[in-house]
Amino acid sequence: MPTLLEDAIRALQENTLVTLDFKELGLTAKTLVGNTNAVSSLVVLPNGKLASGSSNNTITIWDVETNQCLQSLTGHTDIVRLLVVLPDGQLASGSDDATIRIWNIATGQCMQILKHGMKVTSLVSLSNGRNCIGKW
């Protein structure tokens, strides 16, 4: 049986995701198979699912209980660098394509595209409803 470290190393080599379960200190790892490129960002969604941004310009929604890929969100034309859950439950993604996209998590539909002019490197959603953006 592979060790946790061996699973993590294999995941990095194969561009896959590994979830870790720390229940009762009995560390276990699950591999989420389906991503074909480097994972650049992760966020837990309000519904308990996991979203991953990737160098293949997509966002993948995962069910970590079943290890299934539920949905792939497309539209970015360059690496998805960051993912942030907004106070209203929508998902914001920032990319090297110089856009921030706002997604309806339930439908997977892109609701809005904000053109930024430069690579989006960071985004924080503040409790007062405002957002802070980093760029280069």
N, C-alpha and C. Protein backbone atom coordinates (compact mmCIF):
# COMPACT_ATOMS: atom_id res chain seq x y z
N MET A 1 0.84 -1.17 0.00
CA MET A 1 0.00 0.00 0.00
C MET A 1 0.89 1.24 0.00
N PRO A 2 0.67 2.19 -0.95
CA PRO A 2 1.51 3.39 -1.01
C PRO A 2 1.31 4.27 0.22
N THR A 3 2.37 4.97 0.57
CA THR A 3 2.28 5.91 1.69
C THR A 3 1.67 7.21 1.20
N LEU A 4 1.28 8.05 2.15
CA LEU A 4 0.72 9.35 1.84
C LEU A 4 1.70 10.18 1.02
N LEU A 5 2.97 10.15 1.39
CA LEU A 5 3.99 10.88 0.66
C LEU A 5 4.13 10.36 -0.77
N GLU A 6 4.11 9.04 -0.92
CA GLU A 6 4.21 8.46 -2.27
C GLU A 6 3.02 8.88 -3.12
N ASP A 7 1.82 8.91 -2.53
CA ASP A 7 0.63 9.36 -3.26
C ASP A 7 0.77 10.81 -3.69
N ALA A 8 1.27 11.66 -2.79
CA ALA A 8 1.42 13.08 -3.10
C ALA A 8 2.45 13.30 -4.21
N ILE A 9 3.57 12.58 -4.14
CA ILE A 9 4.60 12.70 -5.17
C ILE A 9 4.06 12.23 -6.51
N ARG A 10 3.35 11.12 -6.52
CA ARG A 10 2.77 10.60 -7.76
C ARG A 10 1.79 11.61 -8.35
N ALA A 11 0.99 12.23 -7.49
CA ALA A 11 0.01 13.22 -7.96
C ALA A 11 0.69 14.40 -8.63
N LEU A 12 1.78 14.87 -8.04
CA LEU A 12 2.51 15.98 -8.64
C LEU A 12 3.10 15.59 -9.99
N GLN A 13 3.61 14.37 -10.09
CA GLN A 13 4.22 13.91 -11.34
C GLN A 13 3.17 13.70 -12.43
N GLU A 14 1.97 13.33 -12.05
CA GLU A 14 0.93 13.00 -13.02
C GLU A 14 -0.08 14.13 -13.22
N ASN A 15 0.17 15.31 -12.64
CA ASN A 15 -0.75 16.44 -12.75
C ASN A 15 -2.15 16.07 -12.30
N THR A 16 -2.26 15.41 -11.16
CA THR A 16 -3.56 15.04 -10.61
C THR A 16 -3.74 15.73 -9.27
N LEU A 17 -4.93 15.61 -8.72
CA LEU A 17 -5.23 16.17 -7.41
C LEU A 17 -5.34 15.06 -6.39
N VAL A 18 -4.88 15.33 -5.19
CA VAL A 18 -5.01 14.37 -4.10
C VAL A 18 -5.70 15.08 -2.96
N THR A 19 -6.76 14.47 -2.42
CA THR A 19 -7.40 15.02 -1.22
C THR A 19 -6.92 14.22 -0.03
N LEU A 20 -6.75 14.90 1.08
CA LEU A 20 -6.27 14.25 2.29
C LEU A 20 -7.39 14.25 3.31
N ASP A 21 -7.58 13.13 3.99
CA ASP A 21 -8.61 12.99 5.01
C ASP A 21 -7.92 12.76 6.34
N PHE A 22 -8.06 13.70 7.26
CA PHE A 22 -7.37 13.62 8.54
C PHE A 22 -8.24 13.06 9.65
N LYS A 23 -9.36 12.43 9.31
CA LYS A 23 -10.27 11.90 10.31
C LYS A 23 -9.54 10.96 11.26
N GLU A 24 -9.67 11.28 12.53
CA GLU A 24 -9.11 10.46 13.61
C GLU A 24 -7.63 10.14 13.39
N LEU A 25 -6.92 11.05 12.72
CA LEU A 25 -5.50 10.92 12.43
C LEU A 25 -5.16 9.70 11.59
N GLY A 26 -6.15 9.08 10.99
CA GLY A 26 -5.89 7.97 10.08
C GLY A 26 -5.77 8.51 8.68
N LEU A 27 -4.69 9.23 8.39
CA LEU A 27 -4.51 9.92 7.13
C LEU A 27 -4.81 9.01 5.94
N THR A 28 -5.67 9.48 5.07
CA THR A 28 -5.95 8.76 3.84
C THR A 28 -5.87 9.75 2.68
N ALA A 29 -5.61 9.26 1.52
CA ALA A 29 -5.52 10.10 0.32
C ALA A 29 -6.41 9.54 -0.77
N LYS A 30 -7.06 10.44 -1.50
CA LYS A 30 -7.85 10.05 -2.65
C LYS A 30 -7.31 10.83 -3.84
N THR A 31 -7.21 10.19 -4.97
CA THR A 31 -6.74 10.85 -6.18
C THR A 31 -7.95 11.17 -7.05
N LEU A 32 -8.04 12.44 -7.43
CA LEU A 32 -9.10 12.88 -8.33
C LEU A 32 -8.53 12.87 -9.74
N VAL A 33 -9.00 11.93 -10.55
CA VAL A 33 -8.45 11.73 -11.88
C VAL A 33 -9.33 12.43 -12.90
N GLY A 34 -8.71 13.08 -13.86
CA GLY A 34 -9.47 13.73 -14.91
C GLY A 34 -8.81 15.01 -15.38
N ASN A 35 -7.98 15.61 -14.55
CA ASN A 35 -7.27 16.80 -14.96
C ASN A 35 -6.03 16.38 -15.73
N THR A 36 -5.76 17.06 -16.84
CA THR A 36 -4.63 16.65 -17.68
C THR A 36 -3.47 17.64 -17.64
N ASN A 37 -3.61 18.72 -16.91
CA ASN A 37 -2.56 19.72 -16.82
C ASN A 37 -2.30 20.10 -15.37
N ALA A 38 -1.30 20.95 -15.18
CA ALA A 38 -0.94 21.39 -13.83
C ALA A 38 -2.10 22.15 -13.18
N VAL A 39 -2.33 21.86 -11.90
CA VAL A 39 -3.37 22.54 -11.13
C VAL A 39 -2.74 23.79 -10.52
N SER A 40 -3.37 24.94 -10.74
CA SER A 40 -2.81 26.21 -10.29
C SER A 40 -3.60 26.84 -9.16
N SER A 41 -4.83 26.38 -8.91
CA SER A 41 -5.63 26.97 -7.83
C SER A 41 -6.71 25.99 -7.38
N LEU A 42 -7.07 26.14 -6.11
CA LEU A 42 -8.11 25.30 -5.51
C LEU A 42 -8.98 26.14 -4.59
N VAL A 43 -10.27 25.80 -4.52
CA VAL A 43 -11.16 26.44 -3.55
C VAL A 43 -12.30 25.47 -3.23
N VAL A 44 -12.71 25.46 -1.97
CA VAL A 44 -13.87 24.68 -1.56
C VAL A 44 -15.11 25.54 -1.77
N LEU A 45 -16.10 24.99 -2.44
CA LEU A 45 -17.33 25.72 -2.76
C LEU A 45 -18.34 25.61 -1.62
N PRO A 46 -19.31 26.52 -1.56
CA PRO A 46 -20.31 26.48 -0.49
C PRO A 46 -21.08 25.16 -0.42
N ASN A 47 -21.20 24.45 -1.54
CA ASN A 47 -21.92 23.18 -1.56
C ASN A 47 -21.03 22.00 -1.18
N GLY A 48 -19.79 22.28 -0.75
CA GLY A 48 -18.89 21.21 -0.33
C GLY A 48 -18.07 20.61 -1.45
N LYS A 49 -18.32 21.00 -2.67
CA LYS A 49 -17.54 20.50 -3.81
C LYS A 49 -16.22 21.25 -3.86
N LEU A 50 -15.31 20.78 -4.68
CA LEU A 50 -13.99 21.39 -4.84
C LEU A 50 -13.88 21.91 -6.27
N ALA A 51 -13.35 23.13 -6.41
CA ALA A 51 -13.08 23.68 -7.74
C ALA A 51 -11.57 23.78 -7.90
N SER A 52 -11.08 23.41 -9.08
CA SER A 52 -9.66 23.53 -9.38
C SER A 52 -9.48 24.32 -10.67
N GLY A 53 -8.51 25.24 -10.64
CA GLY A 53 -8.13 25.96 -11.85
C GLY A 53 -6.88 25.31 -12.41
N SER A 54 -6.72 25.39 -13.72
CA SER A 54 -5.65 24.62 -14.35
C SER A 54 -4.94 25.38 -15.45
N SER A 55 -3.77 24.86 -15.81
CA SER A 55 -3.01 25.44 -16.91
C SER A 55 -3.61 25.10 -18.27
N ASN A 56 -4.69 24.29 -18.29
CA ASN A 56 -5.37 24.05 -19.56
C ASN A 56 -6.53 25.03 -19.76
N ASN A 57 -6.52 26.12 -18.96
CA ASN A 57 -7.47 27.24 -19.09
C ASN A 57 -8.87 26.92 -18.61
N THR A 58 -9.04 25.83 -17.87
CA THR A 58 -10.37 25.43 -17.42
C THR A 58 -10.47 25.43 -15.90
N ILE A 59 -11.71 25.37 -15.44
CA ILE A 59 -12.03 25.18 -14.03
C ILE A 59 -12.80 23.88 -13.95
N THR A 60 -12.40 23.00 -13.07
CA THR A 60 -13.08 21.71 -12.91
C THR A 60 -13.75 21.69 -11.55
N ILE A 61 -15.01 21.24 -11.53
CA ILE A 61 -15.77 21.06 -10.29
C ILE A 61 -15.74 19.58 -9.95
N TRP A 62 -15.33 19.27 -8.71
CA TRP A 62 -15.14 17.89 -8.26
C TRP A 62 -16.06 17.56 -7.11
N ASP A 63 -16.52 16.31 -7.08
CA ASP A 63 -17.18 15.75 -5.90
C ASP A 63 -16.11 14.93 -5.18
N VAL A 64 -15.64 15.43 -4.04
CA VAL A 64 -14.54 14.76 -3.36
C VAL A 64 -14.99 13.50 -2.63
N GLU A 65 -16.28 13.31 -2.45
CA GLU A 65 -16.77 12.07 -1.83
C GLU A 65 -16.72 10.91 -2.81
N THR A 66 -17.06 11.19 -4.08
CA THR A 66 -17.10 10.14 -5.09
C THR A 66 -15.89 10.16 -6.02
N ASN A 67 -15.02 11.19 -5.85
CA ASN A 67 -13.85 11.37 -6.71
C ASN A 67 -14.21 11.64 -8.17
N GLN A 68 -15.41 12.15 -8.41
CA GLN A 68 -15.88 12.37 -9.78
C GLN A 68 -15.72 13.82 -10.21
N CYS A 69 -15.36 13.99 -11.47
CA CYS A 69 -15.38 15.30 -12.11
C CYS A 69 -16.84 15.57 -12.49
N LEU A 70 -17.42 16.65 -11.95
CA LEU A 70 -18.83 16.94 -12.19
C LEU A 70 -19.04 17.88 -13.37
N GLN A 71 -18.10 18.79 -13.56
CA GLN A 71 -18.32 19.83 -14.55
C GLN A 71 -16.99 20.48 -14.92
N SER A 72 -16.88 20.94 -16.15
CA SER A 72 -15.72 21.69 -16.58
C SER A 72 -16.20 23.05 -17.09
N LEU A 73 -15.67 24.12 -16.51
CA LEU A 73 -16.05 25.46 -16.89
C LEU A 73 -15.00 26.00 -17.85
N THR A 74 -15.43 26.40 -19.03
CA THR A 74 -14.49 26.86 -20.06
C THR A 74 -14.81 28.31 -20.44
N GLY A 75 -13.80 28.97 -20.94
CA GLY A 75 -13.96 30.35 -21.39
C GLY A 75 -12.66 31.13 -21.31
N HIS A 76 -11.84 30.84 -20.29
CA HIS A 76 -10.55 31.51 -20.21
C HIS A 76 -9.68 31.05 -21.38
N THR A 77 -8.77 31.92 -21.81
CA THR A 77 -7.88 31.58 -22.93
C THR A 77 -6.42 31.43 -22.48
N ASP A 78 -6.21 31.45 -21.16
CA ASP A 78 -4.88 31.23 -20.60
C ASP A 78 -5.05 30.61 -19.22
N ILE A 79 -3.96 30.29 -18.56
CA ILE A 79 -3.97 29.59 -17.28
C ILE A 79 -4.89 30.29 -16.26
N VAL A 80 -5.67 29.49 -15.54
CA VAL A 80 -6.52 30.00 -14.47
C VAL A 80 -5.66 30.03 -13.21
N ARG A 81 -5.32 31.23 -12.76
CA ARG A 81 -4.40 31.41 -11.63
C ARG A 81 -5.08 31.38 -10.27
N LEU A 82 -6.35 31.80 -10.21
CA LEU A 82 -6.96 31.92 -8.89
C LEU A 82 -8.47 31.69 -8.96
N LEU A 83 -8.97 31.22 -7.84
CA LEU A 83 -10.41 31.00 -7.66
C LEU A 83 -10.81 31.55 -6.30
N VAL A 84 -11.93 32.27 -6.26
CA VAL A 84 -12.43 32.85 -5.02
C VAL A 84 -13.94 32.69 -5.00
N VAL A 85 -14.48 32.24 -3.86
CA VAL A 85 -15.93 32.21 -3.69
C VAL A 85 -16.35 33.58 -3.19
N LEU A 86 -17.31 34.18 -3.87
CA LEU A 86 -17.81 35.51 -3.51
C LEU A 86 -18.90 35.39 -2.45
N PRO A 87 -19.18 36.47 -1.72
CA PRO A 87 -20.20 36.42 -0.66
C PRO A 87 -21.57 35.94 -1.12
N ASP A 88 -21.90 36.17 -2.40
CA ASP A 88 -23.21 35.74 -2.91
C ASP A 88 -23.20 34.28 -3.38
N GLY A 89 -22.07 33.57 -3.18
CA GLY A 89 -21.98 32.16 -3.53
C GLY A 89 -21.48 31.89 -4.94
N GLN A 90 -21.29 32.93 -5.73
CA GLN A 90 -20.75 32.74 -7.07
C GLN A 90 -19.24 32.52 -6.98
N LEU A 91 -18.67 32.04 -8.07
CA LEU A 91 -17.24 31.76 -8.14
C LEU A 91 -16.59 32.78 -9.06
N ALA A 92 -15.49 33.39 -8.59
CA ALA A 92 -14.70 34.29 -9.42
C ALA A 92 -13.41 33.58 -9.79
N SER A 93 -13.01 33.71 -11.05
CA SER A 93 -11.75 33.13 -11.51
C SER A 93 -10.91 34.21 -12.16
N GLY A 94 -9.62 34.20 -11.89
CA GLY A 94 -8.69 35.13 -12.50
C GLY A 94 -7.68 34.38 -13.34
N SER A 95 -7.28 34.98 -14.43
CA SER A 95 -6.45 34.27 -15.40
C SER A 95 -5.35 35.15 -15.97
N ASP A 96 -4.36 34.48 -16.55
CA ASP A 96 -3.32 35.19 -17.30
C ASP A 96 -3.88 35.81 -18.57
N ASP A 97 -5.12 35.50 -18.93
CA ASP A 97 -5.73 36.14 -20.10
C ASP A 97 -6.24 37.55 -19.78
N ALA A 98 -5.92 38.03 -18.57
CA ALA A 98 -6.25 39.40 -18.13
C ALA A 98 -7.75 39.60 -17.91
N THR A 99 -8.45 38.52 -17.55
CA THR A 99 -9.87 38.65 -17.24
C THR A 99 -10.17 38.00 -15.89
N ILE A 100 -11.24 38.50 -15.31
CA ILE A 100 -11.87 37.86 -14.16
C ILE A 100 -13.24 37.44 -14.64
N ARG A 101 -13.57 36.19 -14.43
CA ARG A 101 -14.89 35.69 -14.82
C ARG A 101 -15.68 35.35 -13.57
N ILE A 102 -16.95 35.67 -13.60
CA ILE A 102 -17.87 35.36 -12.51
C ILE A 102 -18.77 34.24 -12.98
N TRP A 103 -18.81 33.14 -12.21
CA TRP A 103 -19.52 31.93 -12.60
C TRP A 103 -20.68 31.63 -11.65
N ASN A 104 -21.78 31.17 -12.21
CA ASN A 104 -22.87 30.60 -11.41
C ASN A 104 -22.48 29.15 -11.16
N ILE A 105 -22.21 28.81 -9.92
CA ILE A 105 -21.73 27.47 -9.60
C ILE A 105 -22.77 26.40 -9.92
N ALA A 106 -24.04 26.70 -9.70
CA ALA A 106 -25.10 25.71 -9.92
C ALA A 106 -25.24 25.34 -11.39
N THR A 107 -25.12 26.33 -12.29
CA THR A 107 -25.34 26.08 -13.71
C THR A 107 -24.05 25.93 -14.51
N GLY A 108 -22.94 26.45 -13.95
CA GLY A 108 -21.68 26.46 -14.69
C GLY A 108 -21.60 27.57 -15.72
N GLN A 109 -22.58 28.45 -15.72
CA GLN A 109 -22.62 29.53 -16.71
C GLN A 109 -21.75 30.71 -16.27
N CYS A 110 -21.01 31.26 -17.23
CA CYS A 110 -20.25 32.48 -16.97
C CYS A 110 -21.23 33.64 -16.99
N MET A 111 -21.33 34.35 -15.87
CA MET A 111 -22.30 35.42 -15.72
C MET A 111 -21.74 36.78 -16.13
N GLN A 112 -20.42 36.93 -15.99
CA GLN A 112 -19.82 38.22 -16.28
C GLN A 112 -18.34 38.05 -16.57
N ILE A 113 -17.82 38.87 -17.47
CA ILE A 113 -16.39 38.89 -17.78
C ILE A 113 -15.90 40.31 -17.52
N LEU A 114 -14.91 40.41 -16.64
CA LEU A 114 -14.31 41.70 -16.32
C LEU A 114 -12.92 41.74 -16.95
N LYS A 115 -12.72 42.63 -17.89
CA LYS A 115 -11.42 42.76 -18.55
C LYS A 115 -10.53 43.63 -17.68
N HIS A 116 -9.34 43.12 -17.42
CA HIS A 116 -8.46 43.75 -16.45
C HIS A 116 -7.28 44.45 -17.09
N GLY A 117 -6.84 44.01 -18.24
CA GLY A 117 -5.71 44.63 -18.92
C GLY A 117 -4.36 44.02 -18.62
N MET A 118 -4.25 43.29 -17.50
CA MET A 118 -3.01 42.62 -17.14
C MET A 118 -3.34 41.27 -16.51
N LYS A 119 -2.33 40.40 -16.43
CA LYS A 119 -2.53 39.10 -15.78
C LYS A 119 -3.08 39.31 -14.38
N VAL A 120 -4.10 38.53 -14.02
CA VAL A 120 -4.69 38.62 -12.69
C VAL A 120 -3.97 37.62 -11.80
N THR A 121 -3.29 38.12 -10.77
CA THR A 121 -2.48 37.24 -9.92
C THR A 121 -3.08 37.01 -8.55
N SER A 122 -4.00 37.87 -8.12
CA SER A 122 -4.64 37.66 -6.82
C SER A 122 -5.98 38.39 -6.78
N LEU A 123 -6.87 37.85 -6.00
CA LEU A 123 -8.20 38.43 -5.81
C LEU A 123 -8.69 38.03 -4.44
N VAL A 124 -9.18 39.00 -3.69
CA VAL A 124 -9.72 38.75 -2.36
C VAL A 124 -11.10 39.38 -2.31
N SER A 125 -12.05 38.65 -1.80
CA SER A 125 -13.39 39.17 -1.61
C SER A 125 -13.52 39.62 -0.16
N LEU A 126 -13.77 40.89 0.04
CA LEU A 126 -13.86 41.46 1.38
C LEU A 126 -15.27 41.30 1.94
N SER A 127 -15.40 41.33 3.25
CA SER A 127 -16.70 41.12 3.89
C SER A 127 -17.70 42.23 3.58
N ASN A 128 -17.23 43.41 3.16
CA ASN A 128 -18.14 44.50 2.84
C ASN A 128 -18.65 44.43 1.40
N GLY A 129 -18.32 43.34 0.70
CA GLY A 129 -18.78 43.15 -0.67
C GLY A 129 -17.84 43.68 -1.73
N ARG A 130 -16.80 44.35 -1.33
CA ARG A 130 -15.81 44.85 -2.28
C ARG A 130 -14.75 43.79 -2.53
N ASN A 131 -14.03 43.97 -3.64
CA ASN A 131 -12.98 43.02 -4.00
C ASN A 131 -11.67 43.76 -4.20
N CYS A 132 -10.56 43.12 -3.88
CA CYS A 132 -9.22 43.65 -4.14
C CYS A 132 -8.55 42.75 -5.16
N ILE A 133 -7.90 43.38 -6.14
CA ILE A 133 -7.28 42.64 -7.24
C ILE A 133 -5.79 42.92 -7.28
N GLY A 134 -4.99 41.88 -7.53
CA GLY A 134 -3.56 42.02 -7.77
C GLY A 134 -3.27 41.69 -9.22
N LYS A 135 -2.26 42.31 -9.79
CA LYS A 135 -1.94 42.08 -11.20
C LYS A 135 -0.46 42.23 -11.44
N TRP A 136 -0.02 41.75 -12.65
CA TRP A 136 1.27 42.10 -13.14
C TRP A 136 1.24 42.34 -14.60
